[in-house]
Protein backbone atom coordinates (compact mmCIF):
# COMPACT_ATOMS: atom_id res chain seq x y z
CA UNK A 1 21.55 7.08 1.66
CA UNK A 2 21.10 3.58 0.22
CA UNK A 3 18.32 2.19 -2.05
CA UNK A 4 17.37 5.74 -3.39
CA UNK A 5 15.10 5.62 -6.58
CA UNK A 6 14.74 8.24 -8.96
CA UNK A 7 10.96 7.54 -9.44
CA UNK A 8 8.54 8.99 -7.20
CA UNK A 9 6.30 6.24 -5.48
CA UNK A 10 2.81 5.55 -7.01
CA UNK A 11 -0.45 4.69 -5.35
CA UNK A 12 -1.67 1.58 -6.66
CA UNK A 13 -5.14 0.57 -6.46
CA UNK A 14 -5.92 -2.85 -4.64
CA UNK A 15 -5.37 -5.90 -6.76
CA UNK A 16 -8.92 -6.93 -6.20
CA UNK A 17 -9.99 -3.76 -8.16
CA UNK A 18 -7.16 -3.76 -10.70
CA UNK A 19 -8.14 -7.41 -11.65
CA UNK A 20 -11.59 -6.39 -12.25
CA UNK A 21 -10.56 -3.67 -14.56
CA UNK A 22 -8.21 -6.33 -16.41
CA UNK A 23 -11.19 -8.28 -17.02
CA UNK A 24 -13.19 -5.42 -18.22
CA UNK A 25 -10.34 -4.36 -20.90
CA UNK A 26 -11.92 -5.05 -24.15
CA UNK A 27 -9.02 -7.05 -25.53
CA UNK A 28 -8.53 -9.23 -22.41
CA UNK A 29 -12.12 -9.75 -21.90
CA UNK A 30 -12.58 -10.97 -25.60
CA UNK A 31 -9.57 -13.21 -25.28
CA UNK A 32 -11.30 -14.81 -22.32
CA UNK A 33 -14.56 -15.09 -24.24
CA UNK A 34 -12.97 -16.92 -27.11
CA UNK A 35 -11.08 -19.09 -24.77
CA UNK A 36 -14.24 -20.42 -23.59
CA UNK A 37 -15.81 -20.49 -27.03
CA UNK A 38 -12.80 -22.71 -28.17
CA UNK A 39 -13.42 -26.33 -28.74
CA UNK A 40 -12.85 -29.36 -31.28
CA UNK A 41 -14.79 -27.49 -33.98
CA UNK A 42 -12.52 -24.28 -33.86
CA UNK A 43 -9.90 -25.11 -36.56
CA UNK A 44 -6.33 -23.28 -36.27
CA UNK A 45 -3.51 -23.04 -38.41
CA UNK A 46 0.05 -24.21 -38.21
CA UNK A 47 0.72 -21.06 -35.87
CA UNK A 48 -2.19 -21.13 -33.85
CA UNK A 49 -4.12 -18.54 -35.73
CA UNK A 50 -8.05 -19.18 -35.97
CA UNK A 51 -8.95 -20.40 -39.35
CA UNK A 52 -9.97 -17.43 -41.48
CA UNK A 53 -13.37 -18.71 -42.30
CA UNK A 54 -14.34 -18.94 -38.61
CA UNK A 55 -13.31 -15.23 -38.02
CA UNK A 56 -16.84 -13.82 -38.81
CA UNK A 57 -18.48 -16.52 -36.23
CA UNK A 58 -15.82 -15.47 -33.63
CA UNK A 59 -16.35 -11.93 -34.21
CA UNK A 60 -20.17 -12.57 -33.53
CA UNK A 61 -19.37 -14.59 -30.60
CA UNK A 62 -17.61 -11.62 -29.18
CA UNK A 63 -20.87 -9.17 -30.23
CA UNK A 64 -18.66 -7.35 -32.77
CA UNK A 65 -20.79 -8.23 -35.76
CA UNK A 66 -24.66 -9.16 -35.93
CA UNK A 67 -25.17 -12.99 -36.60
CA UNK A 68 -27.23 -12.29 -39.56
CA UNK A 69 -24.20 -10.29 -41.11
CA UNK A 70 -22.42 -13.46 -41.20
CA UNK A 71 -25.48 -15.92 -42.25
CA UNK A 72 -26.10 -17.31 -38.74
CA UNK A 73 -29.34 -17.28 -36.96
CA UNK A 74 -29.85 -15.06 -34.16
CA UNK A 75 -29.03 -16.56 -31.02
CA UNK A 76 -27.22 -19.65 -32.93
CA UNK A 77 -23.80 -20.98 -31.75
CA UNK A 78 -23.17 -22.71 -34.94
CA UNK A 79 -19.81 -21.81 -36.44
CA UNK A 80 -21.04 -22.20 -39.94
CA UNK A 81 -17.86 -21.40 -42.27
CA UNK A 82 -18.39 -18.49 -44.33
CA UNK A 83 -16.85 -18.94 -47.92
CA UNK A 84 -14.92 -16.42 -49.79
CA UNK A 85 -17.80 -15.08 -51.64
CA UNK A 86 -19.80 -14.44 -48.58
CA UNK A 87 -16.73 -12.85 -47.00
CA UNK A 88 -16.14 -10.93 -50.03
CA UNK A 89 -19.57 -9.23 -49.62
CA UNK A 90 -18.88 -8.28 -46.21
CA UNK A 91 -15.56 -6.54 -46.74
CA UNK A 92 -16.54 -3.37 -45.67
CA UNK A 93 -14.14 -1.36 -43.26
CA UNK A 94 -16.46 -1.98 -40.14
CA UNK A 95 -16.43 -5.76 -40.75
CA UNK A 96 -12.63 -5.98 -41.53
CA UNK A 97 -11.98 -4.12 -38.46
CA UNK A 98 -14.30 -6.61 -36.47
CA UNK A 99 -12.51 -9.58 -38.08
CA UNK A 100 -9.24 -7.92 -36.80
CA UNK A 101 -10.17 -7.46 -33.43
CA UNK A 102 -11.66 -11.39 -33.24
CA UNK A 103 -8.19 -12.49 -34.90
CA UNK A 104 -6.22 -10.45 -32.35
CA UNK A 105 -8.15 -11.52 -29.33
CA UNK A 106 -7.88 -15.30 -30.38
CA UNK A 107 -3.99 -14.78 -30.86
CA UNK A 108 -3.50 -13.28 -27.36
CA UNK A 109 -5.62 -15.98 -25.75
CA UNK A 110 -3.26 -18.51 -27.33
CA UNK A 111 -0.24 -16.40 -26.35
CA UNK A 112 -1.20 -16.38 -22.70
CA UNK A 113 -2.24 -19.69 -22.40
CA UNK A 114 -5.85 -19.70 -22.17
CA UNK A 115 -6.37 -21.61 -25.44
CA UNK A 116 -4.55 -24.80 -25.90
CA UNK A 117 -4.02 -25.82 -29.81
CA UNK A 118 -3.43 -29.39 -31.11
CA UNK A 119 -1.67 -30.13 -34.31
CA UNK A 120 -3.90 -32.11 -37.07
CA UNK A 121 -3.14 -36.12 -36.97
CA UNK A 122 -2.04 -35.85 -40.69
CA UNK A 123 0.73 -33.32 -41.23
CA UNK A 124 -0.65 -32.21 -44.53
CA UNK A 125 -3.71 -32.52 -46.25
CA UNK A 126 -4.11 -35.09 -49.31
CA UNK A 127 -4.06 -32.20 -51.81
CA UNK A 128 -0.92 -30.71 -50.30
CA UNK A 129 -2.91 -27.95 -48.40
CA UNK A 130 -1.72 -27.09 -45.06
CA UNK A 131 -3.29 -29.29 -42.31
CA UNK A 132 -5.32 -27.82 -39.59
CA UNK A 133 -5.07 -28.15 -35.93
CA UNK A 134 -7.96 -27.70 -33.20
CA UNK A 135 -8.08 -25.93 -30.14
CA UNK A 136 -9.68 -26.23 -26.57
CA UNK A 137 -9.91 -24.07 -23.47
CA UNK A 138 -6.41 -24.38 -21.50
CA UNK A 139 -6.27 -25.18 -17.78
CA UNK A 140 -5.26 -21.63 -17.18
CA UNK A 141 -8.73 -20.25 -18.03
CA UNK A 142 -10.12 -21.77 -14.67
CA UNK A 143 -7.79 -19.00 -12.99
CA UNK A 144 -10.25 -16.12 -14.23
CA UNK A 145 -13.02 -17.29 -12.14
CA UNK A 146 -11.35 -19.58 -9.55
CA UNK A 147 -7.76 -17.89 -9.23
CA UNK A 148 -6.83 -14.79 -7.11
CA UNK A 149 -6.60 -11.28 -8.21
CA UNK A 150 -3.04 -11.67 -8.69
CA UNK A 151 -3.48 -14.73 -10.89
CA UNK A 152 -5.69 -12.60 -12.91
CA UNK A 153 -3.01 -9.78 -13.19
CA UNK A 154 -0.45 -12.36 -14.11
CA UNK A 155 -2.30 -13.26 -17.22
CA UNK A 156 -3.03 -9.51 -17.87
CA UNK A 157 0.67 -8.75 -17.82
CA UNK A 158 1.28 -11.68 -20.21
CA UNK A 159 -1.37 -10.16 -22.67
CA UNK A 160 0.12 -6.69 -22.04
CA UNK A 161 3.53 -8.01 -23.14
CA UNK A 162 2.12 -9.68 -26.36
CA UNK A 163 0.35 -6.35 -27.57
CA UNK A 164 3.49 -4.34 -26.41
CA UNK A 165 5.36 -6.80 -28.87
CA UNK A 166 2.74 -6.37 -31.59
CA UNK A 167 3.15 -2.54 -31.22
CA UNK A 168 6.74 -2.48 -31.70
CA UNK A 169 6.23 -4.20 -35.06
CA UNK A 170 6.67 -2.19 -38.40
CA UNK A 171 3.62 -1.00 -40.35
CA UNK A 172 2.17 -3.71 -42.59
CA UNK A 173 2.45 -1.71 -45.55
CA UNK A 174 6.28 -1.23 -45.03
CA UNK A 175 6.69 -4.92 -44.39
CA UNK A 176 4.99 -5.81 -47.45
CA UNK A 177 7.44 -3.40 -49.46
CA UNK A 178 10.32 -4.75 -47.75
CA UNK A 179 9.56 -8.35 -49.01
CA UNK A 180 11.97 -9.57 -51.61
CA UNK A 181 11.74 -12.25 -54.14
CA UNK A 182 11.51 -15.76 -52.30
CA UNK A 183 9.33 -14.34 -49.52
CA UNK A 184 12.10 -12.91 -47.14
CA UNK A 185 12.23 -9.63 -45.33
CA UNK A 186 15.13 -7.22 -46.37
CA UNK A 187 15.20 -5.52 -42.93
CA UNK A 188 17.85 -3.22 -44.62
CA UNK A 189 15.17 -1.67 -46.60
CA UNK A 190 12.61 -1.93 -44.02
CA UNK A 191 14.95 0.28 -41.64
CA UNK A 192 13.61 -1.35 -38.55
CA UNK A 193 15.47 -2.34 -35.46
CA UNK A 194 13.35 -4.60 -33.42
CA UNK A 195 15.15 -3.95 -30.22
CA UNK A 196 15.59 -0.13 -30.67
CA UNK A 197 11.80 0.14 -31.50
CA UNK A 198 10.86 -1.85 -28.16
CA UNK A 199 13.24 0.29 -26.31
CA UNK A 200 11.65 3.50 -27.82
CA UNK A 201 8.01 2.28 -26.64
CA UNK A 202 9.43 1.59 -23.16
CA UNK A 203 10.75 4.83 -22.79
CA UNK A 204 7.73 6.57 -23.83
CA UNK A 205 5.67 4.52 -21.36
CA UNK A 206 8.66 5.37 -18.81
CA UNK A 207 8.04 9.06 -19.21
CA UNK A 208 4.30 8.77 -19.20
CA UNK A 209 4.82 6.92 -15.99
CA UNK A 210 6.91 9.51 -14.37
CA UNK A 211 4.45 12.02 -15.44
CA UNK A 212 1.56 10.23 -14.06
CA UNK A 213 3.60 9.54 -10.66
CA UNK A 214 4.95 13.27 -10.27
CA UNK A 215 3.15 15.61 -8.08
CA UNK A 216 3.97 18.38 -10.68
CA UNK A 217 2.47 16.33 -13.45
CA UNK A 218 -0.71 17.21 -15.47
CA UNK A 219 -3.51 17.50 -13.20
CA UNK A 220 -6.00 15.27 -15.13
CA UNK A 221 -3.01 12.99 -16.05
CA UNK A 222 -3.56 13.72 -19.96
CA UNK A 223 -0.26 14.29 -21.83
CA UNK A 224 -0.04 15.66 -25.41
CA UNK A 225 1.08 13.41 -27.84
CA UNK A 226 3.67 15.96 -29.45
CA UNK A 227 5.06 16.61 -25.95
CA UNK A 228 5.68 12.76 -25.19
CA UNK A 229 7.44 12.42 -28.50
CA UNK A 230 9.37 15.53 -28.13
CA UNK A 231 10.45 14.01 -24.38
CA UNK A 232 12.24 11.13 -26.14
CA UNK A 233 13.64 13.25 -29.07
CA UNK A 234 14.47 16.86 -28.02
CA UNK A 235 17.71 17.23 -25.90
CA UNK A 236 17.21 18.98 -22.70
CA UNK A 237 19.69 21.51 -23.59
CA UNK A 238 18.26 22.31 -27.01
CA UNK A 239 16.61 25.80 -27.32
CA UNK A 240 14.43 26.14 -30.50
CA UNK A 241 14.36 22.44 -32.10
CA UNK A 242 15.82 22.25 -35.46
CA UNK A 243 14.03 21.35 -38.64
CA UNK A 244 15.42 17.73 -38.37
CA UNK A 245 14.17 17.20 -34.87
CA UNK A 246 10.93 18.66 -35.64
CA UNK A 247 10.50 16.31 -38.36
CA UNK A 248 11.50 13.45 -36.05
CA UNK A 249 8.85 14.44 -33.51
CA UNK A 250 6.03 14.63 -36.18
CA UNK A 251 7.05 11.03 -37.23
CA UNK A 252 7.26 9.87 -33.82
CA UNK A 253 3.89 11.36 -33.07
CA UNK A 254 2.33 9.56 -35.83
CA UNK A 255 3.69 6.33 -34.89
CA UNK A 256 2.72 6.87 -31.25
CA UNK A 257 -0.70 7.67 -32.36
CA UNK A 258 -0.45 4.08 -34.00
CA UNK A 259 0.76 1.98 -31.11
CA UNK A 260 -1.62 3.84 -28.69
CA UNK A 261 -4.68 2.83 -30.72
CA UNK A 262 -3.20 -0.66 -30.44
CA UNK A 263 -2.69 -0.13 -26.48
CA UNK A 264 -5.92 1.15 -25.69
CA UNK A 265 -8.02 -1.78 -25.78
CA UNK A 266 -5.79 -3.93 -23.41
CA UNK A 267 -6.74 -1.24 -20.71
CA UNK A 268 -3.15 0.50 -20.58
CA UNK A 269 -4.00 3.85 -21.51
CA UNK A 270 -6.81 6.26 -22.16
CA UNK A 271 -6.32 7.73 -25.17
CA UNK A 272 -7.68 10.32 -27.66
CA UNK A 273 -6.40 9.85 -31.19
CA UNK A 274 -4.64 12.14 -33.61
CA UNK A 275 -7.46 14.28 -35.34
CA UNK A 276 -7.49 12.70 -38.87
CA UNK A 277 -7.82 16.16 -40.24
CA UNK A 278 -4.19 16.96 -39.21
CA UNK A 279 -2.61 13.78 -40.88
CA UNK A 280 -0.50 15.84 -42.94
CA UNK A 281 3.23 16.72 -43.07
CA UNK A 282 3.35 19.99 -41.19
CA UNK A 283 6.58 20.50 -39.22
CA UNK A 284 5.34 23.82 -38.18
CA UNK A 285 2.43 22.56 -36.43
CA UNK A 286 4.26 19.70 -35.01
CA UNK A 287 6.79 22.01 -33.19
CA UNK A 288 3.95 24.36 -32.01
CA UNK A 289 2.15 21.26 -30.43
CA UNK A 290 5.33 19.90 -29.02
CA UNK A 291 6.08 22.95 -26.97
CA UNK A 292 2.36 23.89 -25.94
CA UNK A 293 0.59 22.89 -23.11
CA UNK A 294 -3.19 21.84 -22.76
CA UNK A 295 -3.92 24.98 -21.57
CA UNK A 296 -2.64 27.02 -24.65
CA UNK A 297 -5.52 28.99 -25.83
CA UNK A 298 -3.87 29.59 -29.11
CA UNK A 299 -3.78 25.76 -30.04
CA UNK A 300 -5.67 22.96 -29.36
CA UNK A 301 -2.99 20.29 -28.52
CA UNK A 302 -5.96 17.84 -28.06
CA UNK A 303 -6.13 17.56 -31.54
CA UNK A 304 -2.79 16.26 -31.55
CA UNK A 305 -3.69 13.31 -29.39
CA UNK A 306 -3.78 12.91 -25.58
CA UNK A 307 -2.86 10.12 -23.70
CA UNK A 308 -2.88 8.96 -20.05
CA UNK A 309 -1.77 5.85 -18.16
CA UNK A 310 -5.15 4.17 -16.48
CA UNK A 311 -4.74 2.77 -13.03
CA UNK A 312 -4.29 -0.58 -14.80
CA UNK A 313 -1.82 0.85 -16.80
CA UNK A 314 0.22 2.49 -14.04
CA UNK A 315 0.34 -0.96 -12.49
CA UNK A 316 1.53 -2.67 -15.73
CA UNK A 317 4.18 -0.22 -16.45
CA UNK A 318 5.52 -0.58 -12.98
CA UNK A 319 5.52 -4.37 -12.86
CA UNK A 320 7.38 -4.45 -16.03
CA UNK A 321 9.98 -1.96 -14.68
CA UNK A 322 10.28 -4.00 -11.37
CA UNK A 323 10.72 -7.15 -13.66
CA UNK A 324 13.60 -5.26 -15.36
CA UNK A 325 15.47 -4.55 -12.27
CA UNK A 326 14.10 -0.85 -12.00
CA UNK A 327 13.54 0.64 -8.43
CA UNK A 328 9.76 1.68 -8.88
CA UNK A 329 8.41 2.15 -5.36
CA UNK A 330 4.72 2.01 -4.45
CA UNK A 331 3.20 3.85 -1.68
CA UNK A 332 2.79 0.98 1.22
CA UNK A 333 6.10 -0.65 0.23
CA UNK A 334 7.62 0.38 3.59
CA UNK A 335 4.83 -0.61 5.87
CA UNK A 336 6.47 -3.69 7.25
CA UNK A 337 9.98 -2.06 7.03
CA UNK A 338 11.96 -0.83 9.94
CA UNK A 339 12.33 2.91 10.82
CA UNK A 340 15.80 3.13 9.12
CA UNK A 341 14.64 1.89 5.88
CA UNK A 342 11.60 4.50 6.24
CA UNK A 343 13.61 7.41 6.80
CA UNK A 344 16.07 6.52 4.24
CA UNK A 345 13.82 6.25 1.37
CA UNK A 346 11.21 8.50 2.07
CA UNK A 347 13.83 11.41 2.25
CA UNK A 348 13.71 12.07 -1.64
CA UNK A 349 9.84 11.05 -1.69
CA UNK A 350 7.65 14.18 -2.70
CA UNK A 351 5.97 15.70 0.43
CA UNK A 352 2.38 14.45 -0.12
CA UNK A 353 3.76 10.59 -0.79
CA UNK A 354 6.31 10.84 2.12
CA UNK A 355 3.34 11.78 4.42
CA UNK A 356 1.18 9.09 3.14
CA UNK A 357 3.74 6.27 3.39
CA UNK A 358 4.67 7.40 6.95
CA UNK A 359 1.29 7.43 7.86
CA UNK A 360 0.78 3.97 6.78
CA UNK A 361 3.83 3.04 8.56
CA UNK A 362 2.58 4.45 11.59
CA UNK A 363 -0.88 2.87 11.33
CA UNK A 364 0.22 -0.59 12.31
CA UNK A 365 2.40 0.47 15.38
CA UNK A 366 1.75 1.77 18.88
CA UNK A 367 2.50 5.35 18.94
CA UNK A 368 5.03 5.42 21.60
CA UNK A 369 7.09 2.38 20.47
CA UNK A 370 7.00 3.91 16.96
CA UNK A 371 8.39 7.09 18.15
CA UNK A 372 11.35 5.42 19.75
CA UNK A 373 12.24 3.30 16.84
CA UNK A 374 12.16 6.81 14.90
CA UNK A 375 14.35 8.38 17.25
CA UNK A 376 16.96 5.77 17.25
CA UNK A 377 17.08 5.65 13.76
CA UNK A 378 17.56 9.25 13.45
CA UNK A 379 20.96 8.98 15.34
CA UNK A 380 24.18 9.26 13.45
CA UNK A 381 27.13 11.25 12.58
CA UNK A 382 27.32 10.25 9.21
CA UNK A 383 26.67 12.36 6.01
CA UNK A 384 23.12 11.33 5.88
CA UNK A 385 22.20 11.88 9.63
CA UNK A 386 20.99 15.52 8.97
CA UNK A 387 18.33 14.28 6.36
CA UNK A 388 17.38 11.43 8.49
CA UNK A 389 16.68 13.80 11.31
CA UNK A 390 14.71 15.90 9.46
CA UNK A 391 12.61 13.03 8.19
CA UNK A 392 12.14 11.70 11.53
CA UNK A 393 10.97 15.24 12.78
CA UNK A 394 8.54 15.33 9.77
CA UNK A 395 7.32 11.65 10.77
CA UNK A 396 6.99 12.41 14.53
CA UNK A 397 4.82 15.23 13.55
CA UNK A 398 2.26 12.70 12.67
CA UNK A 399 2.36 11.07 15.89
CA UNK A 400 -0.03 11.88 18.64
CA UNK A 401 0.71 12.83 22.39
CA UNK A 402 1.08 9.49 23.28
CA UNK A 403 4.73 9.55 22.10
CA UNK A 404 5.72 12.30 24.85
CA UNK A 405 7.53 10.00 26.91
CA UNK A 406 9.96 9.04 24.09
CA UNK A 407 10.74 12.56 23.38
CA UNK A 408 11.45 13.46 26.74
CA UNK A 409 13.99 10.48 27.19
CA UNK A 410 16.25 12.22 24.48
CA UNK A 411 16.02 15.84 25.78
CA UNK A 412 19.55 15.38 26.68
CA UNK A 413 20.90 13.88 23.61
CA UNK A 414 23.12 16.03 21.56
CA UNK A 415 21.79 14.81 18.40
CA UNK A 416 18.11 14.78 19.19
CA UNK A 417 17.62 16.79 22.09
CA UNK A 418 16.78 19.97 19.78
CA UNK A 419 14.16 18.32 17.71
CA UNK A 420 12.77 16.78 20.80
CA UNK A 421 12.30 20.36 22.29
CA UNK A 422 10.66 21.27 19.15
CA UNK A 423 8.11 18.54 18.91
CA UNK A 424 7.47 19.26 22.90
CA UNK A 425 6.91 22.63 22.25
CA UNK A 426 4.50 22.29 19.21
CA UNK A 427 2.42 19.92 21.31
CA UNK A 428 2.00 22.17 24.05
CA UNK A 429 3.97 20.13 26.69
CA UNK A 430 4.67 21.86 29.85
CA UNK A 431 8.19 21.61 31.92
CA UNK A 432 10.39 21.78 28.50
CA UNK A 433 13.95 22.60 29.33
CA UNK A 434 15.08 25.49 27.37
CA UNK A 435 18.11 24.59 25.13
CA UNK A 436 21.60 25.70 25.62
CA UNK A 437 23.56 27.92 23.15
CA UNK A 438 25.44 24.96 21.97
CA UNK A 439 22.26 22.72 21.09
CA UNK A 440 20.63 25.91 19.24
CA UNK A 441 23.56 26.14 17.12
CA UNK A 442 24.19 22.43 16.57
CA UNK A 443 20.35 22.37 15.52
CA UNK A 444 20.67 25.22 13.24
CA UNK A 445 23.97 23.57 11.54
CA UNK A 446 22.11 20.20 11.27
CA UNK A 447 18.79 21.75 9.76
CA UNK A 448 20.72 23.63 7.16
CA UNK A 449 22.76 20.25 6.10
CA UNK A 450 19.29 18.75 5.92
CA UNK A 451 18.01 21.06 3.49
CA UNK A 452 21.15 21.01 1.60
CA UNK A 453 20.99 17.30 1.12
CA UNK A 454 17.33 17.62 0.39
CA UNK A 455 17.01 20.45 -2.10
CA UNK A 456 20.21 21.61 -2.80
CA UNK A 457 20.76 25.37 -3.38
CA UNK A 458 16.85 26.22 -3.45
CA UNK A 459 15.30 29.37 -2.96
CA UNK A 460 13.85 28.28 0.41
CA UNK A 461 17.28 27.47 1.70
CA UNK A 462 18.55 30.84 0.49
CA UNK A 463 15.78 32.40 2.72
CA UNK A 464 16.76 30.26 5.60
CA UNK A 465 20.53 31.53 5.37
CA UNK A 466 19.56 35.05 4.96
CA UNK A 467 17.35 34.91 7.97
CA UNK A 468 19.91 33.09 10.04
CA UNK A 469 22.50 35.80 9.33
CA UNK A 470 20.14 38.47 10.03
CA UNK A 471 18.59 37.18 13.26
CA UNK A 472 22.13 36.40 15.05
CA UNK A 473 24.59 39.05 15.49
CA UNK A 474 27.88 37.46 15.58
CA UNK A 475 26.49 34.29 13.97
CA UNK A 476 29.52 33.68 12.13
CA UNK A 477 32.10 34.17 14.99
CA UNK A 478 30.33 31.52 16.86
CA UNK A 479 28.98 28.89 14.68
CA UNK A 480 32.32 27.85 13.46
CA UNK A 481 33.00 26.10 16.53
CA UNK A 482 30.14 23.99 16.55
CA UNK A 483 30.88 20.12 16.61
CA UNK A 484 28.94 19.28 13.86
CA UNK A 485 30.17 17.12 10.90
CA UNK A 486 28.70 19.45 8.42
CA UNK A 487 29.74 22.75 9.81
CA UNK A 488 32.23 23.70 7.54
CA UNK A 489 29.98 22.48 4.39
CA UNK A 490 27.05 24.36 5.70
CA UNK A 491 29.13 27.67 6.20
CA UNK A 492 30.32 27.24 2.47
CA UNK A 493 26.93 26.97 1.36
CA UNK A 494 26.07 29.79 3.16
CA UNK A 495 28.78 31.66 1.56
CA UNK A 496 27.43 30.71 -1.80
CA UNK A 497 23.85 31.77 -1.36
CA UNK A 498 24.03 34.89 0.57
CA UNK A 499 23.35 37.75 -1.48
CA UNK A 500 25.30 40.26 0.50
CA UNK A 501 28.78 39.94 -0.87
CA UNK A 502 30.22 40.94 2.95
CA UNK A 503 28.05 38.59 4.72
CA UNK A 504 29.12 35.76 2.06
CA UNK A 505 32.90 36.58 2.79
CA UNK A 506 32.20 36.26 6.64
CA UNK A 507 30.75 32.93 5.94
CA UNK A 508 33.59 31.84 3.60
CA UNK A 509 35.87 32.91 6.31
CA UNK A 510 34.24 31.05 9.13
CA UNK A 511 34.13 27.85 6.90
CA UNK A 512 37.91 28.00 6.59
CA UNK A 513 38.15 28.33 10.19
CA UNK A 514 35.95 25.19 10.96
CA UNK A 515 38.01 23.26 8.58
CA UNK A 516 41.16 24.32 10.52
CA UNK A 517 39.47 23.70 13.67
CA UNK A 518 38.46 19.87 12.68
CA UNK A 519 41.97 19.18 10.96
């Protein structure tokens, strides 16, 4: 097989819906609103940041503070600067949060090109103070109302990149502690590796994406924060985590709590933060939470934080993966591809995703022509042929009676005649010739080979092996002669899987004969 992805396909919402979700996300909508508010009276610093004295007016514009709280009459658009004395009176935690949110929204708007900043005419003021520039709405702001959904999503992805970069930064208190004399940062003291931090957060989002896309993931998509941290830190082959690992999980859980608080406003995740009452260094509780499920009656893991990707977040993480060169399929990607590509790539899709993808592929095709294309793609004596034919059989189960002529055309085909008879019988067709013994045994080998490729040594395959050996007297005396490329491999697998030692021995002897016969 080629182009296989280890990631299951995801079902994305239409771009128009995702664009609406992006515009409704708190941080992005605030960035857009401040971009419209920008003008020659909005002074900015050298890095494009909004002048500190204008932050209260920006917070009022965003509805984060009442106008009266910053000395503005209700409904006023006058961005009257607030002096330091007034600001000090407003320095409550709620106001500080509002000013921080306004500052972040402005910074994002500048970063993604919704606001254009201009330097002041003079490089510095006469008194030596830093010069201020001005700001104005940028040309890209028009894309919000006149652009396509893809244009909006491109801007949102740029905003997501900016927020993810901020989320990977060290804690502000740690940064202050690491500042040396002269204003430089001692990165050794800070113990911060920018690349490692970004990779860790990308890994966490990748695991969350995989859990969201998997058919056996959490039913409501919510993942306990300790379990997410443990998925990055606890080795798969580790039984009971060591104290050192538990401490790492606990620290990572608290770090992720802060990061997801930053990522929620951009619409990436739905997040329930860690209960503040649990903000203690308790390794035992962290260990219990890391190994518990959301249904654990003895431990309320939701208190340790719960997170899930939103539909917009699923789109965003996938877009970043694709940009990084990761094969991250989406349901519907194969609708315009040939049958060979469909059979190849859906071979390892979860069952429901494969069925949906195939249904979308069939929707734009005439049933008879589609059946002929599928059958032609299923041919081949290569090692992937059996799995291709199994996928073909599953795809044909979704085609109606209009496909019957295509199946009758291959009744005498040594590779396709067996599956054609199965399809015709299942659809109640008349005058279906019975298969010969050679075709029956060839189809049996082909079917087992396909199951081996798809599932390995699964319980279902073991049951199939036991059934075949029990139902056909002298099975191994005949099957080793079957002219199928996988005959010897199938017999060896039957020898491994069959629980009866005597039967397993017969299978191994038959495998030896098959190899000798083909050599």
